[in-house]
N, C-alpha and C. Protein backbone atom coordinates (compact mmCIF):
# COMPACT_ATOMS: atom_id res chain seq x y z
N MET A 1 91.91 146.75 116.68
CA MET A 1 92.81 146.12 116.61
C MET A 1 93.91 145.75 115.95
N GLU A 2 94.82 145.36 114.96
CA GLU A 2 95.28 144.33 114.25
C GLU A 2 96.62 144.24 115.14
N ILE A 3 97.26 143.50 115.29
CA ILE A 3 98.63 142.45 116.09
C ILE A 3 99.64 143.91 115.49
N ASP A 4 99.75 144.33 114.63
CA ASP A 4 101.09 145.23 114.19
C ASP A 4 100.35 146.65 115.32
N GLN A 5 98.81 147.02 115.17
CA GLN A 5 99.17 147.99 116.52
C GLN A 5 99.76 147.90 117.91
N ILE A 6 98.71 146.21 118.33
CA ILE A 6 99.19 146.12 119.68
C ILE A 6 100.91 145.67 119.53
N LEU A 7 101.84 145.37 119.31
CA LEU A 7 103.08 145.40 119.19
C LEU A 7 103.03 146.47 119.77
N ASP A 8 103.38 147.61 118.64
CA ASP A 8 103.44 149.30 118.43
C ASP A 8 103.29 149.90 119.34
N ASN A 9 102.45 148.99 119.97
CA ASN A 9 101.64 150.00 121.77
C ASN A 9 102.75 149.69 122.39
N ILE A 10 103.05 148.10 122.27
CA ILE A 10 103.70 147.38 123.99
C ILE A 10 105.92 148.23 123.56
N PHE A 11 106.25 147.78 121.87
CA PHE A 11 107.04 148.08 121.67
C PHE A 11 107.40 148.52 120.16
N CYS A 12 108.10 149.30 119.78
CA CYS A 12 109.10 149.82 118.91
C CYS A 12 109.95 148.65 117.85
N MET A 13 109.64 147.32 117.45
CA MET A 13 110.70 147.64 116.68
C MET A 13 111.36 146.94 115.87
N PRO A 14 112.04 146.80 114.87
CA PRO A 14 112.66 146.30 113.78
C PRO A 14 111.96 145.57 112.51
N ASP A 15 111.39 146.11 111.62
CA ASP A 15 111.01 144.59 110.54
C ASP A 15 110.86 143.43 110.23
N PRO A 16 112.38 143.54 110.37
CA PRO A 16 112.43 141.40 110.74
C PRO A 16 112.07 140.99 111.90
N SER A 17 112.03 141.77 112.88
CA SER A 17 112.24 141.61 115.07
C SER A 17 110.82 140.70 114.16
N ARG A 18 109.97 142.27 114.08
CA ARG A 18 108.25 141.87 114.11
C ARG A 18 107.88 141.54 113.99
N LEU A 19 108.66 140.53 111.86
CA LEU A 19 108.25 139.25 111.44
C LEU A 19 108.29 137.70 111.97
N ALA A 20 109.34 138.19 112.74
CA ALA A 20 109.91 136.95 112.92
C ALA A 20 109.06 136.08 114.34
N LEU A 21 108.70 137.80 115.40
CA LEU A 21 107.54 137.29 116.15
C LEU A 21 105.90 137.54 116.12
N LYS A 22 106.02 137.77 114.79
CA LYS A 22 104.92 137.60 114.21
C LYS A 22 104.25 136.24 113.37
N ASN A 23 105.63 135.76 113.15
CA ASN A 23 105.62 133.82 112.38
C ASN A 23 104.92 133.25 113.92
N CYS A 24 105.56 133.67 115.22
CA CYS A 24 105.70 132.49 116.05
C CYS A 24 103.31 132.82 116.85
N ILE A 25 103.68 133.76 116.04
CA ILE A 25 101.42 133.91 117.04
C ILE A 25 100.96 133.16 116.66
N THR A 26 99.46 133.17 117.23
CA THR A 26 98.36 132.20 116.05
C THR A 26 96.91 132.63 117.49
N GLU A 27 95.87 133.61 116.96
CA GLU A 27 95.49 134.47 117.18
C GLU A 27 93.68 133.36 117.48
N VAL A 28 93.94 132.82 118.85
CA VAL A 28 92.60 132.49 119.43
C VAL A 28 91.06 133.10 120.14
N SER A 29 90.68 131.89 120.60
CA SER A 29 89.51 133.41 121.15
C SER A 29 89.40 132.38 122.14
N PHE A 30 88.17 133.78 123.55
CA PHE A 30 88.16 132.37 124.01
C PHE A 30 86.79 132.65 124.82
N PRO A 31 86.25 131.97 126.01
CA PRO A 31 84.11 132.60 126.30
C PRO A 31 84.22 134.01 126.97
N LYS A 32 84.09 134.58 127.30
CA LYS A 32 84.18 136.07 128.39
C LYS A 32 84.06 135.54 129.89
N GLY A 33 85.26 135.85 130.04
CA GLY A 33 85.52 135.85 131.51
C GLY A 33 86.24 133.98 132.36
N GLN A 34 86.86 133.80 130.86
CA GLN A 34 87.79 132.48 130.60
C GLN A 34 89.32 132.97 131.42
N VAL A 35 89.45 131.94 132.11
CA VAL A 35 90.79 132.62 133.01
C VAL A 35 91.82 131.91 131.94
N LEU A 36 93.01 132.38 131.67
CA LEU A 36 94.22 132.61 131.00
C LEU A 36 95.13 132.30 131.97
N ILE A 37 95.37 133.15 132.59
CA ILE A 37 97.11 132.40 134.03
C ILE A 37 96.04 132.60 135.69
N LYS A 38 97.15 131.84 135.72
CA LYS A 38 96.44 131.52 137.62
C LYS A 38 98.02 131.70 138.33
N ALA A 39 97.61 132.06 139.13
CA ALA A 39 98.86 132.20 141.13
C ALA A 39 99.06 131.43 140.92
N ASN A 40 100.24 131.50 141.08
CA ASN A 40 101.93 129.87 141.12
C ASN A 40 101.98 129.63 139.99
N ARG A 41 101.87 129.77 139.51
CA ARG A 41 101.89 128.62 138.25
C ARG A 41 103.01 129.34 136.76
N ILE A 42 103.25 129.08 136.68
CA ILE A 42 104.74 129.23 135.00
C ILE A 42 103.91 128.50 134.21
N GLU A 43 103.35 129.86 133.81
CA GLU A 43 102.51 129.90 132.23
C GLU A 43 103.32 129.47 131.21
N LYS A 44 103.63 128.82 129.85
CA LYS A 44 103.64 128.20 128.63
C LYS A 44 103.59 129.03 127.82
N HIS A 45 101.91 130.18 127.82
CA HIS A 45 102.11 131.20 127.14
C HIS A 45 101.69 132.40 127.85
N ILE A 46 102.07 133.22 125.91
CA ILE A 46 101.60 134.64 126.33
C ILE A 46 100.21 135.07 125.63
N TYR A 47 99.29 136.58 126.39
CA TYR A 47 98.30 136.63 125.17
C TYR A 47 98.47 138.31 125.81
N PHE A 48 97.63 138.91 123.94
CA PHE A 48 97.64 139.63 123.70
C PHE A 48 95.18 139.55 123.51
N LEU A 49 95.72 140.84 124.20
CA LEU A 49 94.07 140.76 124.38
C LEU A 49 93.77 141.76 122.99
N LYS A 50 93.15 141.85 122.44
CA LYS A 50 92.09 142.08 121.33
C LYS A 50 91.15 142.78 122.15
N LYS A 51 90.60 143.99 122.21
CA LYS A 51 89.15 144.37 122.11
C LYS A 51 88.33 144.48 120.62
N GLU A 52 87.62 143.73 121.15
CA GLU A 52 86.41 143.47 119.08
C GLU A 52 85.87 145.11 119.13
């Protein structure tokens, strides 16, 4: 699934807004089982999970 499809599943937005958001997104990979967020902690990142 591509980032455009992921974003559309969350919220449909105008093209300029989508482009601005996509410019802030970086695709990263983590090993299976990696902890991305922890309880009682303010996170600095948001993650969109992409199923391969």
